């Protein structure tokens, strides 16, 4: 058995089983290579072309086969099996307490110091950043890496998620610049921020019902956005002004829910930011725009008692 053949066979098995992808890979070939390399203890940037004929010991091939079988049988995302995922070239710990990080906002943060999609909207005084619904903390970590002078707060309703985020903050040595906060939306947050990023639960109820098993393996709390996917977004926008400095901007991911977003907030001026998924998934909202439309915004569906 060679390395190339082992990956080929794993790819064929994954394709035949019809596994759902999107948790770090977009095709069965990459998924097979990821799982094979991880199981063999090889780095993900291992030169497969140069080592295609490298022999694999029978015991190692059996271990790979068992991992591929587990991926197919359980339908768990590969990241849950490996305990690791990469986002914008940065490695993060992940487990079933959080969704597998894949936010398009990560692209904008990583490119911001050199690109013109997000950076022009930031003030020279951008020093305080909030990652709302932080999950495993990946956006907070990427923001701290992209802007060395900022302090980042990262909040989540889930204490389990914050435990995972703490591992990633420590992994990247950012304990002095990232503060983890337990909060149900805005309810325990009191500060104001220059930049707020949020990848909230935004999947609408019909789409939730149609999710493949790999996505149903993730925490429902981090995905389910209510009937039209906008429940948390309504809460977010109803109170965001109270937490934004004068020149602040809010960057919000809404995935495939643009129609529902525009229906819920028809008078809100937004800027659609370009990502690898197009220009329909991430919006930027300035404090000025939010203030102008604030009286027309729908009420918070879950106000604090």
Foldseek 3Di string as FASTA:
>chain_A
DFPLVLLVVLLVLCVVLVQDDDLQDDHSSLVSLVLLCLLVVHDSPPDCVVRRRPDDDPVSSVSSVVLSVCCSVQSAYVCQVSQWHDDPNDIAGDHQQFRRDDDLVLVCLQCQVPDDQPVVLADPPAAEEEEEQCQLVPVVVSNCVSDVRHAYEYEHQDPSSVVNNVVRCVVVVNPVRYHYDHDDACHPPQAAGQEYEYEAQQDAPVVVVVDDSNRVSHDVRRHYLYHLRCQSVLVCLLCNLSRYDQSHKYKYFNAPRQVSVCVQQVQQDWAFTQGPVGRRTMIMHTSVSSVVRNVVHDHNPDDDD
